[in-house]
Amino acid sequence: MLTKFIVVFAVVALVAIAGSIPAKGLTYHVVIAEKAQVSGATLQPGEYKVTVNPDKVTFTLDKTSQEVPVKIETGEKKFSDNQVMFDNQGSQTLLKRISLGGTKTTLTFN
């Protein structure tokens, strides 16, 4: 009986931990509405496939991919939709943050 309890507890703990950390290589679709700079890369407007890894994000549009460093943050509440935040600095538009709809995950770029 005690063995079954320990096994069940271990499984529940793993599920709880795994649910709070984004899995390696998850892919999302995000619309970038305007030309933007992100960590030295230029993103043209379009619907990107965004692959999230622990320390980097890959933006793929058609057959072109660009990999950039990222800081991944996990909030308390899920986002209902994707939210893309830009910062205009002079004539440049910088991509600063993407909150991924259906998750608690925010991608922050420098």
PDB file of N, CA and C in Angstrom:
ATOM      1  N   MET A   1       0.818  -1.187   0.000  1.00  0.00           N
ATOM      2  CA  MET A   1       0.000   0.000   0.000  1.00  0.00           C
ATOM      3  C   MET A   1       0.868   1.260   0.000  1.00  0.00           C
ATOM      4  N   LEU A   2       1.879   1.292   0.839  1.00  0.00           N
ATOM      5  CA  LEU A   2       2.774   2.444   0.907  1.00  0.00           C
ATOM      6  C   LEU A   2       3.522   2.628  -0.413  1.00  0.00           C
ATOM      7  N   THR A   3       3.902   1.530  -1.055  1.00  0.00           N
ATOM      8  CA  THR A   3       4.607   1.599  -2.332  1.00  0.00           C
ATOM      9  C   THR A   3       3.725   2.232  -3.399  1.00  0.00           C
ATOM     10  N   LYS A   4       2.451   1.845  -3.450  1.00  0.00           N
ATOM     11  CA  LYS A   4       1.527   2.433  -4.428  1.00  0.00           C
ATOM     12  C   LYS A   4       1.375   3.927  -4.174  1.00  0.00           C
ATOM     13  N   PHE A   5       1.280   4.321  -2.917  1.00  0.00           N
ATOM     14  CA  PHE A   5       1.143   5.741  -2.579  1.00  0.00           C
ATOM     15  C   PHE A   5       2.365   6.516  -3.045  1.00  0.00           C
ATOM     16  N   ILE A   6       3.555   5.997  -2.836  1.00  0.00           N
ATOM     17  CA  ILE A   6       4.782   6.680  -3.241  1.00  0.00           C
ATOM     18  C   ILE A   6       4.841   6.798  -4.761  1.00  0.00           C
ATOM     19  N   VAL A   7       4.475   5.754  -5.480  1.00  0.00           N
ATOM     20  CA  VAL A   7       4.485   5.794  -6.946  1.00  0.00           C
ATOM     21  C   VAL A   7       3.482   6.839  -7.456  1.00  0.00           C
ATOM     22  N   VAL A   8       2.283   6.835  -6.918  1.00  0.00           N
ATOM     23  CA  VAL A   8       1.266   7.808  -7.340  1.00  0.00           C
ATOM     24  C   VAL A   8       1.736   9.223  -7.024  1.00  0.00           C
ATOM     25  N   PHE A   9       2.297   9.436  -5.857  1.00  0.00           N
ATOM     26  CA  PHE A   9       2.793  10.757  -5.480  1.00  0.00           C
ATOM     27  C   PHE A   9       3.900  11.213  -6.428  1.00  0.00           C
ATOM     28  N   ALA A  10       4.798  10.328  -6.781  1.00  0.00           N
ATOM     29  CA  ALA A  10       5.890  10.670  -7.695  1.00  0.00           C
ATOM     30  C   ALA A  10       5.357  11.057  -9.072  1.00  0.00           C
ATOM     31  N   VAL A  11       4.372  10.338  -9.574  1.00  0.00           N
ATOM     32  CA  VAL A  11       3.775  10.649 -10.877  1.00  0.00           C
ATOM     33  C   VAL A  11       3.079  12.004 -10.834  1.00  0.00           C
ATOM     34  N   VAL A  12       2.313  12.258  -9.788  1.00  0.00           N
ATOM     35  CA  VAL A  12       1.622  13.543  -9.659  1.00  0.00           C
ATOM     36  C   VAL A  12       2.638  14.683  -9.573  1.00  0.00           C
ATOM     37  N   ALA A  13       3.713  14.504  -8.841  1.00  0.00           N
ATOM     38  CA  ALA A  13       4.741  15.541  -8.724  1.00  0.00           C
ATOM     39  C   ALA A  13       5.395  15.818 -10.073  1.00  0.00           C
ATOM     40  N   LEU A  14       5.694  14.780 -10.839  1.00  0.00           N
ATOM     41  CA  LEU A  14       6.287  14.971 -12.165  1.00  0.00           C
ATOM     42  C   LEU A  14       5.352  15.724 -13.105  1.00  0.00           C
ATOM     43  N   VAL A  15       4.089  15.381 -13.081  1.00  0.00           N
ATOM     44  CA  VAL A  15       3.113  16.065 -13.927  1.00  0.00           C
ATOM     45  C   VAL A  15       3.015  17.536 -13.537  1.00  0.00           C
ATOM     46  N   ALA A  16       3.013  17.828 -12.261  1.00  0.00           N
ATOM     47  CA  ALA A  16       2.924  19.212 -11.800  1.00  0.00           C
ATOM     48  C   ALA A  16       4.146  20.013 -12.226  1.00  0.00           C
ATOM     49  N   ILE A  17       5.325  19.429 -12.107  1.00  0.00           N
ATOM     50  CA  ILE A  17       6.556  20.108 -12.504  1.00  0.00           C
ATOM     51  C   ILE A  17       6.593  20.292 -14.012  1.00  0.00           C
ATOM     52  N   ALA A  18       6.267  19.266 -14.769  1.00  0.00           N
ATOM     53  CA  ALA A  18       6.309  19.335 -16.233  1.00  0.00           C
ATOM     54  C   ALA A  18       5.320  20.349 -16.767  1.00  0.00           C
ATOM     55  N   GLY A  19       4.208  20.549 -16.106  1.00  0.00           N
ATOM     56  CA  GLY A  19       3.212  21.508 -16.564  1.00  0.00           C
ATOM     57  C   GLY A  19       3.639  22.952 -16.402  1.00  0.00           C
ATOM     58  N   SER A  20       4.620  23.221 -15.549  1.00  0.00           N
ATOM     59  CA  SER A  20       5.034  24.604 -15.321  1.00  0.00           C
ATOM     60  C   SER A  20       6.259  24.994 -16.132  1.00  0.00           C
ATOM     61  N   ILE A  21       6.912  24.036 -16.799  1.00  0.00           N
ATOM     62  CA  ILE A  21       8.102  24.309 -17.592  1.00  0.00           C
ATOM     63  C   ILE A  21       7.798  24.004 -19.050  1.00  0.00           C
ATOM     64  N   PRO A  22       8.047  24.963 -19.960  1.00  0.00           N
ATOM     65  CA  PRO A  22       7.784  24.671 -21.361  1.00  0.00           C
ATOM     66  C   PRO A  22       8.663  23.523 -21.850  1.00  0.00           C
ATOM     67  N   ALA A  23       8.080  22.599 -22.563  1.00  0.00           N
ATOM     68  CA  ALA A  23       8.838  21.470 -23.089  1.00  0.00           C
ATOM     69  C   ALA A  23       9.768  21.938 -24.199  1.00  0.00           C
ATOM     70  N   LYS A  24      10.856  21.220 -24.381  1.00  0.00           N
ATOM     71  CA  LYS A  24      11.829  21.562 -25.398  1.00  0.00           C
ATOM     72  C   LYS A  24      11.223  21.410 -26.785  1.00  0.00           C
ATOM     73  N   GLY A  25      11.429  22.415 -27.600  1.00  0.00           N
ATOM     74  CA  GLY A  25      11.029  22.326 -28.984  1.00  0.00           C
ATOM     75  C   GLY A  25       9.551  22.506 -29.273  1.00  0.00           C
ATOM     76  N   LEU A  26       8.780  23.124 -28.379  1.00  0.00           N
ATOM     77  CA  LEU A  26       7.365  23.367 -28.657  1.00  0.00           C
ATOM     78  C   LEU A  26       7.242  24.400 -29.764  1.00  0.00           C
ATOM     79  N   THR A  27       6.246  24.225 -30.627  1.00  0.00           N
ATOM     80  CA  THR A  27       6.057  25.113 -31.766  1.00  0.00           C
ATOM     81  C   THR A  27       4.716  25.821 -31.682  1.00  0.00           C
ATOM     82  N   TYR A  28       4.738  27.115 -31.990  1.00  0.00           N
ATOM     83  CA  TYR A  28       3.541  27.948 -31.977  1.00  0.00           C
ATOM     84  C   TYR A  28       3.490  28.734 -33.281  1.00  0.00           C
ATOM     85  N   HIS A  29       2.317  29.250 -33.613  1.00  0.00           N
ATOM     86  CA  HIS A  29       2.165  30.123 -34.776  1.00  0.00           C
ATOM     87  C   HIS A  29       1.872  31.525 -34.269  1.00  0.00           C
ATOM     88  N   VAL A  30       2.708  32.480 -34.701  1.00  0.00           N
ATOM     89  CA  VAL A  30       2.604  33.857 -34.237  1.00  0.00           C
ATOM     90  C   VAL A  30       2.649  34.790 -35.441  1.00  0.00           C
ATOM     91  N   VAL A  31       1.739  35.751 -35.476  1.00  0.00           N
ATOM     92  CA  VAL A  31       1.714  36.744 -36.550  1.00  0.00           C
ATOM     93  C   VAL A  31       2.532  37.961 -36.126  1.00  0.00           C
ATOM     94  N   ILE A  32       3.510  38.297 -36.943  1.00  0.00           N
ATOM     95  CA  ILE A  32       4.285  39.523 -36.772  1.00  0.00           C
ATOM     96  C   ILE A  32       3.711  40.502 -37.793  1.00  0.00           C
ATOM     97  N   ALA A  33       3.045  41.545 -37.314  1.00  0.00           N
ATOM     98  CA  ALA A  33       2.265  42.430 -38.176  1.00  0.00           C
ATOM     99  C   ALA A  33       3.108  43.450 -38.939  1.00  0.00           C
ATOM    100  N   GLU A  34       4.317  43.712 -38.454  1.00  0.00           N
ATOM    101  CA  GLU A  34       5.155  44.715 -39.118  1.00  0.00           C
ATOM    102  C   GLU A  34       6.608  44.279 -39.079  1.00  0.00           C
ATOM    103  N   LYS A  35       7.411  44.853 -39.982  1.00  0.00           N
ATOM    104  CA  LYS A  35       8.839  44.553 -40.018  1.00  0.00           C
ATOM    105  C   LYS A  35       9.447  44.921 -38.673  1.00  0.00           C
ATOM    106  N   ALA A  36      10.220  44.009 -38.101  1.00  0.00           N
ATOM    107  CA  ALA A  36      10.775  44.252 -36.761  1.00  0.00           C
ATOM    108  C   ALA A  36      12.160  43.642 -36.626  1.00  0.00           C
ATOM    109  N   GLN A  37      12.946  44.252 -35.755  1.00  0.00           N
ATOM    110  CA  GLN A  37      14.264  43.751 -35.388  1.00  0.00           C
ATOM    111  C   GLN A  37      14.141  42.974 -34.083  1.00  0.00           C
ATOM    112  N   VAL A  38      14.838  41.856 -34.004  1.00  0.00           N
ATOM    113  CA  VAL A  38      14.882  41.095 -32.760  1.00  0.00           C
ATOM    114  C   VAL A  38      16.279  40.498 -32.618  1.00  0.00           C
ATOM    115  N   SER A  39      17.013  40.944 -31.625  1.00  0.00           N
ATOM    116  CA  SER A  39      18.364  40.446 -31.337  1.00  0.00           C
ATOM    117  C   SER A  39      19.239  40.412 -32.588  1.00  0.00           C
ATOM    118  N   GLY A  40      19.189  41.470 -33.374  1.00  0.00           N
ATOM    119  CA  GLY A  40      20.031  41.574 -34.561  1.00  0.00           C
ATOM    120  C   GLY A  40      19.447  40.973 -35.830  1.00  0.00           C
ATOM    121  N   ALA A  41      18.380  40.225 -35.727  1.00  0.00           N
ATOM    122  CA  ALA A  41      17.725  39.628 -36.892  1.00  0.00           C
ATOM    123  C   ALA A  41      16.555  40.504 -37.320  1.00  0.00           C
ATOM    124  N   THR A  42      16.265  40.495 -38.609  1.00  0.00           N
ATOM    125  CA  THR A  42      15.130  41.250 -39.133  1.00  0.00           C
ATOM    126  C   THR A  42      14.016  40.288 -39.494  1.00  0.00           C
ATOM    127  N   LEU A  43      12.837  40.532 -38.945  1.00  0.00           N
ATOM    128  CA  LEU A  43      11.659  39.718 -39.255  1.00  0.00           C
ATOM    129  C   LEU A  43      10.728  40.531 -40.142  1.00  0.00           C
ATOM    130  N   GLN A  44      10.354  39.961 -41.279  1.00  0.00           N
ATOM    131  CA  GLN A  44       9.393  40.585 -42.181  1.00  0.00           C
ATOM    132  C   GLN A  44       7.993  40.269 -41.664  1.00  0.00           C
ATOM    133  N   PRO A  45       7.002  41.064 -42.023  1.00  0.00           N
ATOM    134  CA  PRO A  45       5.632  40.757 -41.600  1.00  0.00           C
ATOM    135  C   PRO A  45       5.188  39.393 -42.127  1.00  0.00           C
ATOM    136  N   GLY A  46       4.431  38.659 -41.307  1.00  0.00           N
ATOM    137  CA  GLY A  46       3.922  37.363 -41.735  1.00  0.00           C
ATOM    138  C   GLY A  46       3.579  36.475 -40.561  1.00  0.00           C
ATOM    139  N   GLU A  47       3.074  35.273 -40.881  1.00  0.00           N
ATOM    140  CA  GLU A  47       2.749  34.283 -39.844  1.00  0.00           C
ATOM    141  C   GLU A  47       3.930  33.336 -39.697  1.00  0.00           C
ATOM    142  N   TYR A  48       4.564  33.399 -38.555  1.00  0.00           N
ATOM    143  CA  TYR A  48       5.767  32.624 -38.275  1.00  0.00           C
ATOM    144  C   TYR A  48       5.451  31.366 -37.485  1.00  0.00           C
ATOM    145  N   LYS A  49       6.220  30.339 -37.771  1.00  0.00           N
ATOM    146  CA  LYS A  49       6.265  29.168 -36.902  1.00  0.00           C
ATOM    147  C   LYS A  49       7.382  29.479 -35.912  1.00  0.00           C
ATOM    148  N   VAL A  50       7.045  29.506 -34.628  1.00  0.00           N
ATOM    149  CA  VAL A  50       8.007  29.858 -33.588  1.00  0.00           C
ATOM    150  C   VAL A  50       8.290  28.607 -32.758  1.00  0.00           C
ATOM    151  N   THR A  51       9.532  28.141 -32.824  1.00  0.00           N
ATOM    152  CA  THR A  51       9.945  26.958 -32.069  1.00  0.00           C
ATOM    153  C   THR A  51      10.718  27.420 -30.841  1.00  0.00           C
ATOM    154  N   VAL A  52      10.230  27.031 -29.667  1.00  0.00           N
ATOM    155  CA  VAL A  52      10.798  27.485 -28.394  1.00  0.00           C
ATOM    156  C   VAL A  52      11.666  26.388 -27.800  1.00  0.00           C
ATOM    157  N   ASN A  53      12.922  26.732 -27.534  1.00  0.00           N
ATOM    158  CA  ASN A  53      13.864  25.866 -26.840  1.00  0.00           C
ATOM    159  C   ASN A  53      14.301  26.599 -25.575  1.00  0.00           C
ATOM    160  N   PRO A  54      15.009  25.938 -24.661  1.00  0.00           N
ATOM    161  CA  PRO A  54      15.308  26.555 -23.365  1.00  0.00           C
ATOM    162  C   PRO A  54      15.993  27.922 -23.413  1.00  0.00           C
ATOM    163  N   ASP A  55      16.876  28.172 -24.373  1.00  0.00           N
ATOM    164  CA  ASP A  55      17.593  29.447 -24.392  1.00  0.00           C
ATOM    165  C   ASP A  55      17.534  30.167 -25.733  1.00  0.00           C
ATOM    166  N   LYS A  56      16.747  29.632 -26.664  1.00  0.00           N
ATOM    167  CA  LYS A  56      16.639  30.267 -27.974  1.00  0.00           C
ATOM    168  C   LYS A  56      15.274  29.999 -28.595  1.00  0.00           C
ATOM    169  N   VAL A  57      14.947  30.849 -29.561  1.00  0.00           N
ATOM    170  CA  VAL A  57      13.702  30.718 -30.312  1.00  0.00           C
ATOM    171  C   VAL A  57      14.065  30.735 -31.784  1.00  0.00           C
ATOM    172  N   THR A  58      13.409  29.881 -32.567  1.00  0.00           N
ATOM    173  CA  THR A  58      13.608  29.875 -34.010  1.00  0.00           C
ATOM    174  C   THR A  58      12.341  30.384 -34.675  1.00  0.00           C
ATOM    175  N   PHE A  59      12.478  31.471 -35.445  1.00  0.00           N
ATOM    176  CA  PHE A  59      11.382  32.030 -36.223  1.00  0.00           C
ATOM    177  C   PHE A  59      11.495  31.483 -37.638  1.00  0.00           C
ATOM    178  N   THR A  60      10.444  30.834 -38.129  1.00  0.00           N
ATOM    179  CA  THR A  60      10.456  30.288 -39.487  1.00  0.00           C
ATOM    180  C   THR A  60       9.294  30.876 -40.272  1.00  0.00           C
ATOM    181  N   LEU A  61       9.628  31.481 -41.421  1.00  0.00           N
ATOM    182  CA  LEU A  61       8.641  32.029 -42.353  1.00  0.00           C
ATOM    183  C   LEU A  61       8.980  31.451 -43.713  1.00  0.00           C
ATOM    184  N   ASP A  62       8.048  30.693 -44.284  1.00  0.00           N
ATOM    185  CA  ASP A  62       8.292  29.960 -45.528  1.00  0.00           C
ATOM    186  C   ASP A  62       9.501  29.053 -45.314  1.00  0.00           C
ATOM    187  N   LYS A  63      10.584  29.262 -46.053  1.00  0.00           N
ATOM    188  CA  LYS A  63      11.761  28.399 -45.915  1.00  0.00           C
ATOM    189  C   LYS A  63      12.917  29.101 -45.207  1.00  0.00           C
ATOM    190  N   THR A  64      12.647  30.288 -44.669  1.00  0.00           N
ATOM    191  CA  THR A  64      13.687  31.063 -44.002  1.00  0.00           C
ATOM    192  C   THR A  64      13.537  30.945 -42.493  1.00  0.00           C
ATOM    193  N   SER A  65      14.635  30.577 -41.816  1.00  0.00           N
ATOM    194  CA  SER A  65      14.634  30.454 -40.354  1.00  0.00           C
ATOM    195  C   SER A  65      15.679  31.381 -39.756  1.00  0.00           C
ATOM    196  N   GLN A  66      15.333  31.973 -38.615  1.00  0.00           N
ATOM    197  CA  GLN A  66      16.267  32.805 -37.871  1.00  0.00           C
ATOM    198  C   GLN A  66      16.191  32.421 -36.401  1.00  0.00           C
ATOM    199  N   GLU A  67      17.363  32.209 -35.810  1.00  0.00           N
ATOM    200  CA  GLU A  67      17.443  31.780 -34.425  1.00  0.00           C
ATOM    201  C   GLU A  67      17.936  32.947 -33.576  1.00  0.00           C
ATOM    202  N   VAL A  68      17.241  33.215 -32.466  1.00  0.00           N
ATOM    203  CA  VAL A  68      17.628  34.321 -31.589  1.00  0.00           C
ATOM    204  C   VAL A  68      17.568  33.878 -30.125  1.00  0.00           C
ATOM    205  N   PRO A  69      18.409  34.483 -29.282  1.00  0.00           N
ATOM    206  CA  PRO A  69      18.350  34.152 -27.849  1.00  0.00           C
ATOM    207  C   PRO A  69      17.067  34.681 -27.228  1.00  0.00           C
ATOM    208  N   VAL A  70      16.620  34.017 -26.165  1.00  0.00           N
ATOM    209  CA  VAL A  70      15.356  34.384 -25.531  1.00  0.00           C
ATOM    210  C   VAL A  70      15.433  34.149 -24.027  1.00  0.00           C
ATOM    211  N   LYS A  71      14.655  34.924 -23.299  1.00  0.00           N
ATOM    212  CA  LYS A  71      14.431  34.681 -21.873  1.00  0.00           C
ATOM    213  C   LYS A  71      12.989  34.199 -21.759  1.00  0.00           C
ATOM    214  N   ILE A  72      12.781  33.037 -21.165  1.00  0.00           N
ATOM    215  CA  ILE A  72      11.451  32.454 -21.040  1.00  0.00           C
ATOM    216  C   ILE A  72      10.953  32.675 -19.612  1.00  0.00           C
ATOM    217  N   GLU A  73       9.765  33.257 -19.512  1.00  0.00           N
ATOM    218  CA  GLU A  73       9.156  33.507 -18.208  1.00  0.00           C
ATOM    219  C   GLU A  73       7.812  32.800 -18.144  1.00  0.00           C
ATOM    220  N   THR A  74       7.466  32.292 -16.966  1.00  0.00           N
ATOM    221  CA  THR A  74       6.189  31.625 -16.757  1.00  0.00           C
ATOM    222  C   THR A  74       5.375  32.441 -15.765  1.00  0.00           C
ATOM    223  N   GLY A  75       4.190  32.881 -16.190  1.00  0.00           N
ATOM    224  CA  GLY A  75       3.324  33.686 -15.339  1.00  0.00           C
ATOM    225  C   GLY A  75       2.349  32.824 -14.559  1.00  0.00           C
ATOM    226  N   GLU A  76       1.406  33.480 -13.908  1.00  0.00           N
ATOM    227  CA  GLU A  76       0.422  32.772 -13.090  1.00  0.00           C
ATOM    228  C   GLU A  76      -0.829  32.392 -13.873  1.00  0.00           C
ATOM    229  N   LYS A  77      -1.177  33.200 -14.881  1.00  0.00           N
ATOM    230  CA  LYS A  77      -2.406  32.958 -15.640  1.00  0.00           C
ATOM    231  C   LYS A  77      -2.087  32.673 -17.102  1.00  0.00           C
ATOM    232  N   LYS A  78      -2.938  31.871 -17.727  1.00  0.00           N
ATOM    233  CA  LYS A  78      -2.783  31.592 -19.152  1.00  0.00           C
ATOM    234  C   LYS A  78      -3.227  32.793 -19.970  1.00  0.00           C
ATOM    235  N   PHE A  79      -2.551  32.992 -21.094  1.00  0.00           N
ATOM    236  CA  PHE A  79      -2.940  34.033 -22.037  1.00  0.00           C
ATOM    237  C   PHE A  79      -3.994  33.460 -22.973  1.00  0.00           C
ATOM    238  N   SER A  80      -5.040  34.212 -23.237  1.00  0.00           N
ATOM    239  CA  SER A  80      -6.114  33.715 -24.112  1.00  0.00           C
ATOM    240  C   SER A  80      -5.682  33.712 -25.577  1.00  0.00           C
ATOM    241  N   ASP A  81      -4.872  34.683 -25.973  1.00  0.00           N
ATOM    242  CA  ASP A  81      -4.387  34.811 -27.349  1.00  0.00           C
ATOM    243  C   ASP A  81      -2.912  35.184 -27.322  1.00  0.00           C
ATOM    244  N   ASN A  82      -2.260  35.054 -28.491  1.00  0.00           N
ATOM    245  CA  ASN A  82      -0.898  35.557 -28.604  1.00  0.00           C
ATOM    246  C   ASN A  82      -0.907  37.064 -28.444  1.00  0.00           C
ATOM    247  N   GLN A  83       0.086  37.579 -27.737  1.00  0.00           N
ATOM    248  CA  GLN A  83       0.249  39.021 -27.581  1.00  0.00           C
ATOM    249  C   GLN A  83       1.680  39.363 -27.971  1.00  0.00           C
ATOM    250  N   VAL A  84       1.824  40.252 -28.951  1.00  0.00           N
ATOM    251  CA  VAL A  84       3.143  40.635 -29.454  1.00  0.00           C
ATOM    252  C   VAL A  84       3.381  42.095 -29.094  1.00  0.00           C
ATOM    253  N   MET A  85       4.508  42.370 -28.401  1.00  0.00           N
ATOM    254  CA  MET A  85       4.815  43.730 -27.970  1.00  0.00           C
ATOM    255  C   MET A  85       6.040  44.247 -28.721  1.00  0.00           C
ATOM    256  N   PHE A  86       5.874  45.438 -29.318  1.00  0.00           N
ATOM    257  CA  PHE A  86       6.944  46.094 -30.035  1.00  0.00           C
ATOM    258  C   PHE A  86       7.369  47.345 -29.276  1.00  0.00           C
ATOM    259  N   ASP A  87       8.576  47.827 -29.601  1.00  0.00           N
ATOM    260  CA  ASP A  87       9.068  49.090 -29.064  1.00  0.00           C
ATOM    261  C   ASP A  87       9.658  49.866 -30.236  1.00  0.00           C
ATOM    262  N   ASN A  88       9.132  51.062 -30.503  1.00  0.00           N
ATOM    263  CA  ASN A  88       9.643  51.900 -31.587  1.00  0.00           C
ATOM    264  C   ASN A  88      10.770  52.759 -31.064  1.00  0.00           C
ATOM    265  N   GLN A  89      11.956  52.599 -31.665  1.00  0.00           N
ATOM    266  CA  GLN A  89      13.118  53.410 -31.305  1.00  0.00           C
ATOM    267  C   GLN A  89      13.619  54.085 -32.570  1.00  0.00           C
ATOM    268  N   GLY A  90      13.261  55.337 -32.714  1.00  0.00           N
ATOM    269  CA  GLY A  90      13.615  56.069 -33.923  1.00  0.00           C
ATOM    270  C   GLY A  90      12.895  55.462 -35.115  1.00  0.00           C
ATOM    271  N   SER A  91      13.662  55.077 -36.113  1.00  0.00           N
ATOM    272  CA  SER A  91      13.067  54.489 -37.315  1.00  0.00           C
ATOM    273  C   SER A  91      12.962  52.971 -37.233  1.00  0.00           C
ATOM    274  N   GLN A  92      13.418  52.382 -36.139  1.00  0.00           N
ATOM    275  CA  GLN A  92      13.388  50.928 -35.981  1.00  0.00           C
ATOM    276  C   GLN A  92      12.244  50.481 -35.090  1.00  0.00           C
ATOM    277  N   THR A  93      11.674  49.337 -35.446  1.00  0.00           N
ATOM    278  CA  THR A  93      10.681  48.687 -34.604  1.00  0.00           C
ATOM    279  C   THR A  93      11.341  47.444 -34.018  1.00  0.00           C
ATOM    280  N   LEU A  94      11.402  47.356 -32.699  1.00  0.00           N
ATOM    281  CA  LEU A  94      12.035  46.227 -32.018  1.00  0.00           C
ATOM    282  C   LEU A  94      10.971  45.306 -31.445  1.00  0.00           C
ATOM    283  N   LEU A  95      11.123  44.014 -31.673  1.00  0.00           N
ATOM    284  CA  LEU A  95      10.254  43.016 -31.056  1.00  0.00           C
ATOM    285  C   LEU A  95      10.775  42.780 -29.644  1.00  0.00           C
ATOM    286  N   LYS A  96       9.954  43.061 -28.645  1.00  0.00           N
ATOM    287  CA  LYS A  96      10.392  42.963 -27.256  1.00  0.00           C
ATOM    288  C   LYS A  96       9.873  41.730 -26.534  1.00  0.00           C
ATOM    289  N   ARG A  97       8.610  41.354 -26.834  1.00  0.00           N
ATOM    290  CA  ARG A  97       7.999  40.290 -26.034  1.00  0.00           C
ATOM    291  C   ARG A  97       6.877  39.622 -26.822  1.00  0.00           C
ATOM    292  N   ILE A  98       6.750  38.299 -26.624  1.00  0.00           N
ATOM    293  CA  ILE A  98       5.619  37.543 -27.157  1.00  0.00           C
ATOM    294  C   ILE A  98       5.047  36.714 -26.016  1.00  0.00           C
ATOM    295  N   SER A  99       3.764  36.897 -25.736  1.00  0.00           N
ATOM    296  CA  SER A  99       3.051  36.056 -24.769  1.00  0.00           C
ATOM    297  C   SER A  99       2.265  35.037 -25.593  1.00  0.00           C
ATOM    298  N   LEU A 100       2.477  33.765 -25.317  1.00  0.00           N
ATOM    299  CA  LEU A 100       1.917  32.693 -26.137  1.00  0.00           C
ATOM    300  C   LEU A 100       0.526  32.299 -25.670  1.00  0.00           C
ATOM    301  N   GLY A 101      -0.462  32.460 -26.545  1.00  0.00           N
ATOM    302  CA  GLY A 101      -1.845  32.124 -26.233  1.00  0.00           C
ATOM    303  C   GLY A 101      -2.018  30.667 -25.852  1.00  0.00           C
ATOM    304  N   GLY A 102      -2.844  30.426 -24.846  1.00  0.00           N
ATOM    305  CA  GLY A 102      -3.088  29.068 -24.367  1.00  0.00           C
ATOM    306  C   GLY A 102      -2.036  28.557 -23.394  1.00  0.00           C
ATOM    307  N   THR A 103      -1.049  29.416 -23.079  1.00  0.00           N
ATOM    308  CA  THR A 103       0.014  29.036 -22.140  1.00  0.00           C
ATOM    309  C   THR A 103       0.197  30.148 -21.110  1.00  0.00           C
ATOM    310  N   LYS A 104       1.085  29.906 -20.173  1.00  0.00           N
ATOM    311  CA  LYS A 104       1.486  30.915 -19.191  1.00  0.00           C
ATOM    312  C   LYS A 104       2.857  31.494 -19.551  1.00  0.00           C
ATOM    313  N   THR A 105       3.307  31.223 -20.782  1.00  0.00           N
ATOM    314  CA  THR A 105       4.677  31.520 -21.210  1.00  0.00           C
ATOM    315  C   THR A 105       4.805  32.857 -21.913  1.00  0.00           C
ATOM    316  N   THR A 106       5.823  33.626 -21.517  1.00  0.00           N
ATOM    317  CA  THR A 106       6.184  34.878 -22.188  1.00  0.00           C
ATOM    318  C   THR A 106       7.637  34.760 -22.650  1.00  0.00           C
ATOM    319  N   LEU A 107       7.867  35.114 -23.918  1.00  0.00           N
ATOM    320  CA  LEU A 107       9.211  35.131 -24.494  1.00  0.00           C
ATOM    321  C   LEU A 107       9.673  36.573 -24.506  1.00  0.00           C
ATOM    322  N   THR A 108      10.814  36.858 -23.880  1.00  0.00           N
ATOM    323  CA  THR A 108      11.345  38.224 -23.801  1.00  0.00           C
ATOM    324  C   THR A 108      12.658  38.285 -24.551  1.00  0.00           C
ATOM    325  N   PHE A 109      12.785  39.310 -25.409  1.00  0.00           N
ATOM    326  CA  PHE A 109      13.980  39.488 -26.235  1.00  0.00           C
ATOM    327  C   PHE A 109      14.680  40.772 -25.845  1.00  0.00           C
ATOM    328  N   ASN A 110      16.020  40.783 -25.991  1.00  0.00           N
ATOM    329  CA  ASN A 110      16.814  41.989 -25.716  1.00  0.00           C
ATOM    330  C   ASN A 110      17.096  42.731 -26.995  1.00  0.00           C
TER     331      ASN A 110
END
